[in-house]
Full PDB file with SEQRES, HELIX, SHEET, SSBOND, CRYST1, ORIGX, SCALE, CONECT and MASTER records, all heavy atoms in Angstrom:
SEQRES   1 A   40  ALA ALA GLN LEU ALA ALA MET PHE PRO GLY ILE ASP MET          
SEQRES   2 A   40  SER ALA GLU ALA ARG LEU GLU LYS ASN HIS ALA GLU ARG          
SEQRES   3 A   40  LEU TRP GLU ARG LEU ASP SER PRO ASP GLY PRO ILE HIS          
SEQRES   4 A   40  LEU                                                          
HELIX    1 AA1 ALA A    2  MET A    7  1                                   6    
HELIX    2 AA2 ALA A   17  LEU A   19  5                                   3    
HELIX    3 AA3 LYS A   21  LEU A   31  1                                  11    
CRYST1    1.000    1.000    1.000  90.00  90.00  90.00 P 1           1          
ORIGX1      1.000000  0.000000  0.000000        0.00000                         
ORIGX2      0.000000  1.000000  0.000000        0.00000                         
ORIGX3      0.000000  0.000000  1.000000        0.00000                         
SCALE1      1.000000  0.000000  0.000000        0.00000                         
SCALE2      0.000000  1.000000  0.000000        0.00000                         
SCALE3      0.000000  0.000000  1.000000        0.00000                         
ATOM      1  N   ALA A   1      -4.223  11.044   5.421  1.00  0.00           N  
ATOM      2  CA  ALA A   1      -3.138  10.755   4.493  1.00  0.00           C  
ATOM      3  C   ALA A   1      -1.865  10.389   5.239  1.00  0.00           C  
ATOM      4  O   ALA A   1      -1.121   9.478   4.836  1.00  0.00           O  
ATOM      5  CB  ALA A   1      -2.899  11.957   3.583  1.00  0.00           C  
ATOM      6  N   ALA A   2      -1.592  11.083   6.350  1.00  0.00           N  
ATOM      7  CA  ALA A   2      -0.395  10.791   7.144  1.00  0.00           C  
ATOM      8  C   ALA A   2      -0.470   9.402   7.769  1.00  0.00           C  
ATOM      9  O   ALA A   2       0.525   8.663   7.804  1.00  0.00           O  
ATOM     10  CB  ALA A   2      -0.213  11.859   8.212  1.00  0.00           C  
ATOM     11  N   GLN A   3      -1.649   9.029   8.254  1.00  0.00           N  
ATOM     12  CA  GLN A   3      -1.809   7.704   8.853  1.00  0.00           C  
ATOM     13  C   GLN A   3      -1.633   6.611   7.806  1.00  0.00           C  
ATOM     14  O   GLN A   3      -0.999   5.583   8.059  1.00  0.00           O  
ATOM     15  CB  GLN A   3      -3.205   7.592   9.500  1.00  0.00           C  
ATOM     16  CG  GLN A   3      -3.358   8.428  10.760  1.00  0.00           C  
ATOM     17  CD  GLN A   3      -4.796   8.477  11.241  1.00  0.00           C  
ATOM     18  OE1 GLN A   3      -5.756   8.523  10.434  1.00  0.00           O  
ATOM     19  NE2 GLN A   3      -4.992   8.507  12.555  1.00  0.00           N  
ATOM     20  N   LEU A   4      -2.195   6.809   6.596  1.00  0.00           N  
ATOM     21  CA  LEU A   4      -2.025   5.821   5.534  1.00  0.00           C  
ATOM     22  C   LEU A   4      -0.559   5.682   5.115  1.00  0.00           C  
ATOM     23  O   LEU A   4      -0.090   4.579   4.829  1.00  0.00           O  
ATOM     24  CB  LEU A   4      -2.878   6.206   4.322  1.00  0.00           C  
ATOM     25  CG  LEU A   4      -4.393   5.970   4.458  1.00  0.00           C  
ATOM     26  CD1 LEU A   4      -5.104   6.554   3.237  1.00  0.00           C  
ATOM     27  CD2 LEU A   4      -4.701   4.488   4.596  1.00  0.00           C  
ATOM     28  N   ALA A   5       0.140   6.820   5.075  1.00  0.00           N  
ATOM     29  CA  ALA A   5       1.560   6.774   4.697  1.00  0.00           C  
ATOM     30  C   ALA A   5       2.366   5.963   5.713  1.00  0.00           C  
ATOM     31  O   ALA A   5       3.286   5.221   5.344  1.00  0.00           O  
ATOM     32  CB  ALA A   5       2.114   8.191   4.601  1.00  0.00           C  
ATOM     33  N   ALA A   6       2.005   6.074   6.995  1.00  0.00           N  
ATOM     34  CA  ALA A   6       2.704   5.305   8.027  1.00  0.00           C  
ATOM     35  C   ALA A   6       2.345   3.828   7.973  1.00  0.00           C  
ATOM     36  O   ALA A   6       3.182   2.954   8.245  1.00  0.00           O  
ATOM     37  CB  ALA A   6       2.360   5.879   9.403  1.00  0.00           C  
ATOM     38  N   MET A   7       1.109   3.525   7.599  1.00  0.00           N  
ATOM     39  CA  MET A   7       0.657   2.142   7.526  1.00  0.00           C  
ATOM     40  C   MET A   7       1.212   1.405   6.310  1.00  0.00           C  
ATOM     41  O   MET A   7       1.493   0.212   6.346  1.00  0.00           O  
ATOM     42  CB  MET A   7      -0.886   2.085   7.495  1.00  0.00           C  
ATOM     43  CG  MET A   7      -1.545   2.546   8.781  1.00  0.00           C  
ATOM     44  SD  MET A   7      -3.288   2.943   8.567  1.00  0.00           S  
ATOM     45  CE  MET A   7      -3.972   1.395   8.016  1.00  0.00           C  
ATOM     46  N   PHE A   8       1.373   2.149   5.192  1.00  0.00           N  
ATOM     47  CA  PHE A   8       1.879   1.546   3.937  1.00  0.00           C  
ATOM     48  C   PHE A   8       3.076   2.344   3.433  1.00  0.00           C  
ATOM     49  O   PHE A   8       2.993   3.019   2.412  1.00  0.00           O  
ATOM     50  CB  PHE A   8       0.776   1.540   2.888  1.00  0.00           C  
ATOM     51  CG  PHE A   8      -0.469   0.763   3.276  1.00  0.00           C  
ATOM     52  CD1 PHE A   8      -1.569   1.412   3.851  1.00  0.00           C  
ATOM     53  CD2 PHE A   8      -0.528  -0.609   3.083  1.00  0.00           C  
ATOM     54  CE1 PHE A   8      -2.690   0.695   4.211  1.00  0.00           C  
ATOM     55  CE2 PHE A   8      -1.653  -1.326   3.451  1.00  0.00           C  
ATOM     56  CZ  PHE A   8      -2.733  -0.677   4.012  1.00  0.00           C  
ATOM     57  N   PRO A   9       4.193   2.304   4.161  1.00  0.00           N  
ATOM     58  CA  PRO A   9       5.362   3.113   3.770  1.00  0.00           C  
ATOM     59  C   PRO A   9       5.859   2.756   2.371  1.00  0.00           C  
ATOM     60  O   PRO A   9       5.933   1.577   2.011  1.00  0.00           O  
ATOM     61  CB  PRO A   9       6.412   2.760   4.847  1.00  0.00           C  
ATOM     62  CG  PRO A   9       5.962   1.450   5.431  1.00  0.00           C  
ATOM     63  CD  PRO A   9       4.463   1.473   5.344  1.00  0.00           C  
ATOM     64  N   GLY A  10       6.151   3.810   1.599  1.00  0.00           N  
ATOM     65  CA  GLY A  10       6.659   3.600   0.263  1.00  0.00           C  
ATOM     66  C   GLY A  10       5.613   3.348  -0.796  1.00  0.00           C  
ATOM     67  O   GLY A  10       5.946   3.194  -1.968  1.00  0.00           O  
ATOM     68  N   ILE A  11       4.334   3.276  -0.404  1.00  0.00           N  
ATOM     69  CA  ILE A  11       3.254   3.023  -1.367  1.00  0.00           C  
ATOM     70  C   ILE A  11       2.358   4.264  -1.429  1.00  0.00           C  
ATOM     71  O   ILE A  11       1.885   4.748  -0.398  1.00  0.00           O  
ATOM     72  CB  ILE A  11       2.425   1.794  -0.972  1.00  0.00           C  
ATOM     73  CG1 ILE A  11       3.314   0.537  -0.978  1.00  0.00           C  
ATOM     74  CG2 ILE A  11       1.257   1.596  -1.934  1.00  0.00           C  
ATOM     75  CD1 ILE A  11       2.594  -0.718  -0.559  1.00  0.00           C  
ATOM     76  N   ASP A  12       2.142   4.770  -2.613  1.00  0.00           N  
ATOM     77  CA  ASP A  12       1.277   5.933  -2.824  1.00  0.00           C  
ATOM     78  C   ASP A  12      -0.167   5.516  -2.586  1.00  0.00           C  
ATOM     79  O   ASP A  12      -0.710   4.714  -3.348  1.00  0.00           O  
ATOM     80  CB  ASP A  12       1.463   6.478  -4.230  1.00  0.00           C  
ATOM     81  CG  ASP A  12       0.712   7.775  -4.475  1.00  0.00           C  
ATOM     82  OD1 ASP A  12      -0.060   8.203  -3.591  1.00  0.00           O  
ATOM     83  OD2 ASP A  12       0.892   8.364  -5.567  1.00  0.00           O  
ATOM     84  N   MET A  13      -0.807   6.051  -1.539  1.00  0.00           N  
ATOM     85  CA  MET A  13      -2.189   5.709  -1.216  1.00  0.00           C  
ATOM     86  C   MET A  13      -3.151   6.838  -1.568  1.00  0.00           C  
ATOM     87  O   MET A  13      -4.272   6.910  -1.059  1.00  0.00           O  
ATOM     88  CB  MET A  13      -2.300   5.369   0.272  1.00  0.00           C  
ATOM     89  CG  MET A  13      -1.554   4.108   0.683  1.00  0.00           C  
ATOM     90  SD  MET A  13      -2.222   2.597  -0.072  1.00  0.00           S  
ATOM     91  CE  MET A  13      -3.799   2.441   0.773  1.00  0.00           C  
ATOM     92  N   SER A  14      -2.745   7.711  -2.467  1.00  0.00           N  
ATOM     93  CA  SER A  14      -3.637   8.776  -2.915  1.00  0.00           C  
ATOM     94  C   SER A  14      -4.770   8.196  -3.746  1.00  0.00           C  
ATOM     95  O   SER A  14      -4.666   7.075  -4.276  1.00  0.00           O  
ATOM     96  CB  SER A  14      -2.887   9.816  -3.747  1.00  0.00           C  
ATOM     97  OG  SER A  14      -2.452   9.226  -4.978  1.00  0.00           O  
ATOM     98  N   ALA A  15      -5.872   8.939  -3.858  1.00  0.00           N  
ATOM     99  CA  ALA A  15      -7.030   8.463  -4.614  1.00  0.00           C  
ATOM    100  C   ALA A  15      -6.657   8.156  -6.066  1.00  0.00           C  
ATOM    101  O   ALA A  15      -7.112   7.151  -6.636  1.00  0.00           O  
ATOM    102  CB  ALA A  15      -8.137   9.493  -4.557  1.00  0.00           C  
ATOM    103  N   GLU A  16      -5.825   8.991  -6.661  1.00  0.00           N  
ATOM    104  CA  GLU A  16      -5.442   8.785  -8.068  1.00  0.00           C  
ATOM    105  C   GLU A  16      -4.634   7.495  -8.217  1.00  0.00           C  
ATOM    106  O   GLU A  16      -4.847   6.714  -9.145  1.00  0.00           O  
ATOM    107  CB  GLU A  16      -4.625   9.985  -8.577  1.00  0.00           C  
ATOM    108  CG  GLU A  16      -5.370  11.293  -8.606  1.00  0.00           C  
ATOM    109  CD  GLU A  16      -5.501  11.953  -7.226  1.00  0.00           C  
ATOM    110  OE1 GLU A  16      -4.805  11.517  -6.276  1.00  0.00           O  
ATOM    111  OE2 GLU A  16      -6.323  12.871  -7.095  1.00  0.00           O  
ATOM    112  N   ALA A  17      -3.710   7.261  -7.283  1.00  0.00           N  
ATOM    113  CA  ALA A  17      -2.848   6.104  -7.389  1.00  0.00           C  
ATOM    114  C   ALA A  17      -3.623   4.799  -7.206  1.00  0.00           C  
ATOM    115  O   ALA A  17      -3.317   3.779  -7.835  1.00  0.00           O  
ATOM    116  CB  ALA A  17      -1.728   6.181  -6.355  1.00  0.00           C  
ATOM    117  N   ARG A  18      -4.621   4.819  -6.330  1.00  0.00           N  
ATOM    118  CA  ARG A  18      -5.330   3.586  -5.999  1.00  0.00           C  
ATOM    119  C   ARG A  18      -6.129   3.001  -7.174  1.00  0.00           C  
ATOM    120  O   ARG A  18      -6.567   1.855  -7.129  1.00  0.00           O  
ATOM    121  CB  ARG A  18      -6.224   3.825  -4.791  1.00  0.00           C  
ATOM    122  CG  ARG A  18      -5.437   3.991  -3.497  1.00  0.00           C  
ATOM    123  CD  ARG A  18      -6.305   4.465  -2.360  1.00  0.00           C  
ATOM    124  NE  ARG A  18      -7.391   3.520  -2.091  1.00  0.00           N  
ATOM    125  CZ  ARG A  18      -8.475   3.853  -1.386  1.00  0.00           C  
ATOM    126  NH1 ARG A  18      -8.637   5.082  -0.941  1.00  0.00           N  
ATOM    127  NH2 ARG A  18      -9.398   2.933  -1.151  1.00  0.00           N  
ATOM    128  N   LEU A  19      -6.303   3.779  -8.224  1.00  0.00           N  
ATOM    129  CA  LEU A  19      -6.989   3.288  -9.409  1.00  0.00           C  
ATOM    130  C   LEU A  19      -6.042   2.598 -10.392  1.00  0.00           C  
ATOM    131  O   LEU A  19      -6.479   1.980 -11.368  1.00  0.00           O  
ATOM    132  CB  LEU A  19      -7.703   4.444 -10.138  1.00  0.00           C  
ATOM    133  CG  LEU A  19      -8.961   5.000  -9.458  1.00  0.00           C  
ATOM    134  CD1 LEU A  19      -9.411   6.286 -10.170  1.00  0.00           C  
ATOM    135  CD2 LEU A  19     -10.087   3.992  -9.453  1.00  0.00           C  
ATOM    136  N   GLU A  20      -4.737   2.697 -10.114  1.00  0.00           N  
ATOM    137  CA  GLU A  20      -3.743   2.207 -11.077  1.00  0.00           C  
ATOM    138  C   GLU A  20      -3.312   0.763 -10.783  1.00  0.00           C  
ATOM    139  O   GLU A  20      -3.243   0.338  -9.632  1.00  0.00           O  
ATOM    140  CB  GLU A  20      -2.515   3.116 -11.055  1.00  0.00           C  
ATOM    141  CG  GLU A  20      -2.807   4.563 -11.407  1.00  0.00           C  
ATOM    142  CD  GLU A  20      -3.321   4.719 -12.819  1.00  0.00           C  
ATOM    143  OE1 GLU A  20      -2.893   3.934 -13.688  1.00  0.00           O  
ATOM    144  OE2 GLU A  20      -4.157   5.614 -13.057  1.00  0.00           O  
ATOM    145  N   LYS A  21      -2.986   0.029 -11.840  1.00  0.00           N  
ATOM    146  CA  LYS A  21      -2.588  -1.370 -11.691  1.00  0.00           C  
ATOM    147  C   LYS A  21      -1.221  -1.508 -11.029  1.00  0.00           C  
ATOM    148  O   LYS A  21      -0.983  -2.457 -10.264  1.00  0.00           O  
ATOM    149  CB  LYS A  21      -2.558  -2.047 -13.075  1.00  0.00           C  
ATOM    150  CG  LYS A  21      -3.952  -2.277 -13.670  1.00  0.00           C  
ATOM    151  CD  LYS A  21      -3.859  -2.984 -15.011  1.00  0.00           C  
ATOM    152  CE  LYS A  21      -5.235  -3.390 -15.502  1.00  0.00           C  
ATOM    153  NZ  LYS A  21      -6.180  -2.250 -15.628  1.00  0.00           N  
ATOM    154  N   ASN A  22      -0.296  -0.561 -11.281  1.00  0.00           N  
ATOM    155  CA  ASN A  22       1.022  -0.679 -10.639  1.00  0.00           C  
ATOM    156  C   ASN A  22       0.941  -0.445  -9.135  1.00  0.00           C  
ATOM    157  O   ASN A  22       1.747  -1.003  -8.371  1.00  0.00           O  
ATOM    158  CB  ASN A  22       2.047   0.259 -11.293  1.00  0.00           C  
ATOM    159  CG  ASN A  22       1.621   1.710 -11.214  1.00  0.00           C  
ATOM    160  OD1 ASN A  22       0.574   2.052 -10.686  1.00  0.00           O  
ATOM    161  ND2 ASN A  22       2.472   2.590 -11.736  1.00  0.00           N  
ATOM    162  N   HIS A  23      -0.032   0.345  -8.677  1.00  0.00           N  
ATOM    163  CA  HIS A  23      -0.269   0.473  -7.242  1.00  0.00           C  
ATOM    164  C   HIS A  23      -0.668  -0.876  -6.666  1.00  0.00           C  
ATOM    165  O   HIS A  23      -0.166  -1.286  -5.594  1.00  0.00           O  
ATOM    166  CB  HIS A  23      -1.367   1.505  -6.990  1.00  0.00           C  
ATOM    167  CG  HIS A  23      -2.015   1.398  -5.641  1.00  0.00           C  
ATOM    168  ND1 HIS A  23      -1.470   1.957  -4.505  1.00  0.00           N  
ATOM    169  CD2 HIS A  23      -3.153   0.777  -5.248  1.00  0.00           C  
ATOM    170  CE1 HIS A  23      -2.238   1.678  -3.466  1.00  0.00           C  
ATOM    171  NE2 HIS A  23      -3.279   0.971  -3.890  1.00  0.00           N  
ATOM    172  N   ALA A  24      -1.574  -1.576  -7.337  1.00  0.00           N  
ATOM    173  CA  ALA A  24      -2.027  -2.885  -6.839  1.00  0.00           C  
ATOM    174  C   ALA A  24      -0.877  -3.886  -6.789  1.00  0.00           C  
ATOM    175  O   ALA A  24      -0.782  -4.704  -5.865  1.00  0.00           O  
ATOM    176  CB  ALA A  24      -3.152  -3.417  -7.729  1.00  0.00           C  
ATOM    177  N   GLU A  25       0.016  -3.837  -7.771  1.00  0.00           N  
ATOM    178  CA  GLU A  25       1.150  -4.770  -7.784  1.00  0.00           C  
ATOM    179  C   GLU A  25       2.074  -4.527  -6.591  1.00  0.00           C  
ATOM    180  O   GLU A  25       2.521  -5.472  -5.949  1.00  0.00           O  
ATOM    181  CB  GLU A  25       1.920  -4.623  -9.099  1.00  0.00           C  
ATOM    182  CG  GLU A  25       1.123  -5.128 -10.297  1.00  0.00           C  
ATOM    183  CD  GLU A  25       1.699  -4.682 -11.619  1.00  0.00           C  
ATOM    184  OE1 GLU A  25       2.690  -3.911 -11.597  1.00  0.00           O  
ATOM    185  OE2 GLU A  25       1.132  -5.051 -12.669  1.00  0.00           O  
ATOM    186  N   ARG A  26       2.340  -3.263  -6.264  1.00  0.00           N  
ATOM    187  CA  ARG A  26       3.190  -2.968  -5.112  1.00  0.00           C  
ATOM    188  C   ARG A  26       2.490  -3.326  -3.804  1.00  0.00           C  
ATOM    189  O   ARG A  26       3.114  -3.824  -2.870  1.00  0.00           O  
ATOM    190  CB  ARG A  26       3.571  -1.479  -5.122  1.00  0.00           C  
ATOM    191  CG  ARG A  26       4.392  -1.046  -6.327  1.00  0.00           C  
ATOM    192  CD  ARG A  26       5.033   0.302  -6.087  1.00  0.00           C  
ATOM    193  NE  ARG A  26       5.998   0.234  -4.984  1.00  0.00           N  
ATOM    194  CZ  ARG A  26       6.551   1.310  -4.435  1.00  0.00           C  
ATOM    195  NH1 ARG A  26       6.231   2.514  -4.879  1.00  0.00           N  
ATOM    196  NH2 ARG A  26       7.422   1.184  -3.451  1.00  0.00           N  
ATOM    197  N   LEU A  27       1.193  -3.061  -3.764  1.00  0.00           N  
ATOM    198  CA  LEU A  27       0.447  -3.375  -2.552  1.00  0.00           C  
ATOM    199  C   LEU A  27       0.399  -4.885  -2.324  1.00  0.00           C  
ATOM    200  O   LEU A  27       0.543  -5.359  -1.181  1.00  0.00           O  
ATOM    201  CB  LEU A  27      -0.975  -2.806  -2.654  1.00  0.00           C  
ATOM    202  CG  LEU A  27      -1.881  -2.961  -1.434  1.00  0.00           C  
ATOM    203  CD1 LEU A  27      -1.250  -2.355  -0.184  1.00  0.00           C  
ATOM    204  CD2 LEU A  27      -3.249  -2.313  -1.698  1.00  0.00           C  
ATOM    205  N   TRP A  28       0.235  -5.663  -3.399  1.00  0.00           N  
ATOM    206  CA  TRP A  28       0.207  -7.110  -3.235  1.00  0.00           C  
ATOM    207  C   TRP A  28       1.550  -7.643  -2.725  1.00  0.00           C  
ATOM    208  O   TRP A  28       1.599  -8.524  -1.878  1.00  0.00           O  
ATOM    209  CB  TRP A  28      -0.178  -7.811  -4.546  1.00  0.00           C  
ATOM    210  CG  TRP A  28      -0.069  -9.311  -4.393  1.00  0.00           C  
ATOM    211  CD1 TRP A  28       0.840 -10.125  -5.005  1.00  0.00           C  
ATOM    212  CD2 TRP A  28      -0.810 -10.138  -3.504  1.00  0.00           C  
ATOM    213  NE1 TRP A  28       0.683 -11.412  -4.587  1.00  0.00           N  
ATOM    214  CE2 TRP A  28      -0.323 -11.456  -3.648  1.00  0.00           C  
ATOM    215  CE3 TRP A  28      -1.836  -9.894  -2.626  1.00  0.00           C  
ATOM    216  CZ2 TRP A  28      -0.834 -12.526  -2.926  1.00  0.00           C  
ATOM    217  CZ3 TRP A  28      -2.354 -10.955  -1.888  1.00  0.00           C  
ATOM    218  CH2 TRP A  28      -1.857 -12.256  -2.049  1.00  0.00           C  
ATOM    219  N   GLU A  29       2.640  -7.108  -3.240  1.00  0.00           N  
ATOM    220  CA  GLU A  29       3.960  -7.513  -2.740  1.00  0.00           C  
ATOM    221  C   GLU A  29       4.048  -7.303  -1.241  1.00  0.00           C  
ATOM    222  O   GLU A  29       4.602  -8.144  -0.509  1.00  0.00           O  
ATOM    223  CB  GLU A  29       5.055  -6.720  -3.468  1.00  0.00           C  
ATOM    224  CG  GLU A  29       5.263  -7.096  -4.913  1.00  0.00           C  
ATOM    225  CD  GLU A  29       6.311  -6.232  -5.582  1.00  0.00           C  
ATOM    226  OE1 GLU A  29       6.962  -5.417  -4.875  1.00  0.00           O  
ATOM    227  OE2 GLU A  29       6.473  -6.341  -6.821  1.00  0.00           O  
ATOM    228  N   ARG A  30       3.538  -6.184  -0.766  1.00  0.00           N  
ATOM    229  CA  ARG A  30       3.565  -5.889   0.669  1.00  0.00           C  
ATOM    230  C   ARG A  30       2.646  -6.836   1.436  1.00  0.00           C  
ATOM    231  O   ARG A  30       3.017  -7.360   2.510  1.00  0.00           O  
ATOM    232  CB  ARG A  30       3.136  -4.435   0.894  1.00  0.00           C  
ATOM    233  CG  ARG A  30       3.116  -3.997   2.366  1.00  0.00           C  
ATOM    234  CD  ARG A  30       4.528  -3.900   2.953  1.00  0.00           C  
ATOM    235  NE  ARG A  30       5.383  -3.084   2.126  1.00  0.00           N  
ATOM    236  CZ  ARG A  30       5.409  -1.739   2.146  1.00  0.00           C  
ATOM    237  NH1 ARG A  30       4.618  -1.092   2.984  1.00  0.00           N  
ATOM    238  NH2 ARG A  30       6.214  -1.081   1.374  1.00  0.00           N  
ATOM    239  N   LEU A  31       1.466  -7.078   0.928  1.00  0.00           N  
ATOM    240  CA  LEU A  31       0.508  -7.939   1.627  1.00  0.00           C  
ATOM    241  C   LEU A  31       0.998  -9.382   1.721  1.00  0.00           C  
ATOM    242  O   LEU A  31       0.788 -10.065   2.736  1.00  0.00           O  
ATOM    243  CB  LEU A  31      -0.852  -7.930   0.916  1.00  0.00           C  
ATOM    244  CG  LEU A  31      -1.651  -6.644   0.956  1.00  0.00           C  
ATOM    245  CD1 LEU A  31      -2.898  -6.786   0.109  1.00  0.00           C  
ATOM    246  CD2 LEU A  31      -2.006  -6.267   2.376  1.00  0.00           C  
ATOM    247  N   ASP A  32       1.668  -9.856   0.671  1.00  0.00           N  
ATOM    248  CA  ASP A  32       2.108 -11.249   0.621  1.00  0.00           C  
ATOM    249  C   ASP A  32       3.454 -11.465   1.301  1.00  0.00           C  
ATOM    250  O   ASP A  32       3.990 -12.558   1.289  1.00  0.00           O  
ATOM    251  CB  ASP A  32       2.175 -11.729  -0.825  1.00  0.00           C  
ATOM    252  CG  ASP A  32       2.070 -13.247  -0.937  1.00  0.00           C  
ATOM    253  OD1 ASP A  32       1.368 -13.863  -0.112  1.00  0.00           O  
ATOM    254  OD2 ASP A  32       2.676 -13.799  -1.869  1.00  0.00           O  
ATOM    255  N   SER A  33       3.989 -10.387   1.860  1.00  0.00           N  
ATOM    256  CA  SER A  33       5.266 -10.477   2.566  1.00  0.00           C  
ATOM    257  C   SER A  33       5.036 -10.841   4.028  1.00  0.00           C  
ATOM    258  O   SER A  33       4.076 -10.374   4.644  1.00  0.00           O  
ATOM    259  CB  SER A  33       6.014  -9.135   2.490  1.00  0.00           C  
ATOM    260  OG  SER A  33       7.082  -9.097   3.399  1.00  0.00           O  
ATOM    261  N   PRO A  34       5.881 -11.663   4.611  1.00  0.00           N  
ATOM    262  CA  PRO A  34       5.728 -12.007   6.033  1.00  0.00           C  
ATOM    263  C   PRO A  34       6.204 -10.904   6.965  1.00  0.00           C  
ATOM    264  O   PRO A  34       6.087 -11.041   8.185  1.00  0.00           O  
ATOM    265  CB  PRO A  34       6.608 -13.245   6.181  1.00  0.00           C  
ATOM    266  CG  PRO A  34       7.672 -13.084   5.130  1.00  0.00           C  
ATOM    267  CD  PRO A  34       7.011 -12.386   3.986  1.00  0.00           C  
ATOM    268  N   ASP A  35       6.692  -9.792   6.413  1.00  0.00           N  
ATOM    269  CA  ASP A  35       7.352  -8.782   7.235  1.00  0.00           C  
ATOM    270  C   ASP A  35       6.396  -7.816   7.930  1.00  0.00           C  
ATOM    271  O   ASP A  35       6.765  -7.195   8.906  1.00  0.00           O  
ATOM    272  CB  ASP A  35       8.333  -7.940   6.384  1.00  0.00           C  
ATOM    273  CG  ASP A  35       9.421  -8.831   5.773  1.00  0.00           C  
ATOM    274  OD1 ASP A  35       9.720  -9.856   6.383  1.00  0.00           O  
ATOM    275  OD2 ASP A  35       9.931  -8.453   4.710  1.00  0.00           O  
ATOM    276  N   GLY A  36       5.189  -7.662   7.395  1.00  0.00           N  
ATOM    277  CA  GLY A  36       4.351  -6.605   7.949  1.00  0.00           C  
ATOM    278  C   GLY A  36       2.909  -7.002   8.145  1.00  0.00           C  
ATOM    279  O   GLY A  36       2.444  -7.978   7.560  1.00  0.00           O  
ATOM    280  N   PRO A  37       2.146  -6.229   8.971  1.00  0.00           N  
ATOM    281  CA  PRO A  37       0.736  -6.511   9.176  1.00  0.00           C  
ATOM    282  C   PRO A  37      -0.102  -6.128   7.971  1.00  0.00           C  
ATOM    283  O   PRO A  37       0.347  -5.402   7.090  1.00  0.00           O  
ATOM    284  CB  PRO A  37       0.384  -5.640  10.397  1.00  0.00           C  
ATOM    285  CG  PRO A  37       1.362  -4.499  10.316  1.00  0.00           C  
ATOM    286  CD  PRO A  37       2.622  -5.078   9.753  1.00  0.00           C  
ATOM    287  N   ILE A  38      -1.325  -6.593   7.950  1.00  0.00           N  
ATOM    288  CA  ILE A  38      -2.209  -6.349   6.828  1.00  0.00           C  
ATOM    289  C   ILE A  38      -2.809  -4.946   6.860  1.00  0.00           C  
ATOM    290  O   ILE A  38      -3.017  -4.306   5.834  1.00  0.00           O  
ATOM    291  CB  ILE A  38      -3.365  -7.386   6.822  1.00  0.00           C  
ATOM    292  CG1 ILE A  38      -2.803  -8.774   6.645  1.00  0.00           C  
ATOM    293  CG2 ILE A  38      -4.364  -7.090   5.707  1.00  0.00           C  
ATOM    294  CD1 ILE A  38      -3.834  -9.861   6.817  1.00  0.00           C  
ATOM    295  N   HIS A  39      -3.121  -4.430   8.053  1.00  0.00           N  
ATOM    296  CA  HIS A  39      -3.849  -3.180   8.203  1.00  0.00           C  
ATOM    297  C   HIS A  39      -5.215  -3.274   7.509  1.00  0.00           C  
ATOM    298  O   HIS A  39      -5.425  -2.765   6.412  1.00  0.00           O  
ATOM    299  CB  HIS A  39      -3.077  -1.978   7.666  1.00  0.00           C  
ATOM    300  CG  HIS A  39      -1.830  -1.693   8.451  1.00  0.00           C  
ATOM    301  ND1 HIS A  39      -1.868  -1.350   9.791  1.00  0.00           N  
ATOM    302  CD2 HIS A  39      -0.522  -1.712   8.101  1.00  0.00           C  
ATOM    303  CE1 HIS A  39      -0.633  -1.162  10.233  1.00  0.00           C  
ATOM    304  NE2 HIS A  39       0.195  -1.395   9.220  1.00  0.00           N  
ATOM    305  N   LEU A  40      -6.111  -3.993   8.123  1.00  0.00           N  
ATOM    306  CA  LEU A  40      -7.425  -4.239   7.561  1.00  0.00           C  
ATOM    307  C   LEU A  40      -8.158  -2.940   7.296  1.00  0.00           C  
ATOM    308  O   LEU A  40      -8.124  -2.011   8.106  1.00  0.00           O  
ATOM    309  CB  LEU A  40      -8.264  -5.096   8.514  1.00  0.00           C  
ATOM    310  CG  LEU A  40      -7.718  -6.490   8.857  1.00  0.00           C  
ATOM    311  CD1 LEU A  40      -8.674  -7.159   9.840  1.00  0.00           C  
ATOM    312  CD2 LEU A  40      -7.579  -7.329   7.607  1.00  0.00           C  
TER     313      LEU A  40                                                      
MASTER        0    0    0    3    0    0    0    6  312    1    0    4          
END                                                                             
């Protein structure tokens, strides 16, 4: 959990959150930004 928090700062990566649509919207904003790596 600590590693995921560092990889995706500001995004809730808990199991419960990952099922939600608003999580996907925030994650997509991060992925489509030129500022950070993808973290495959």
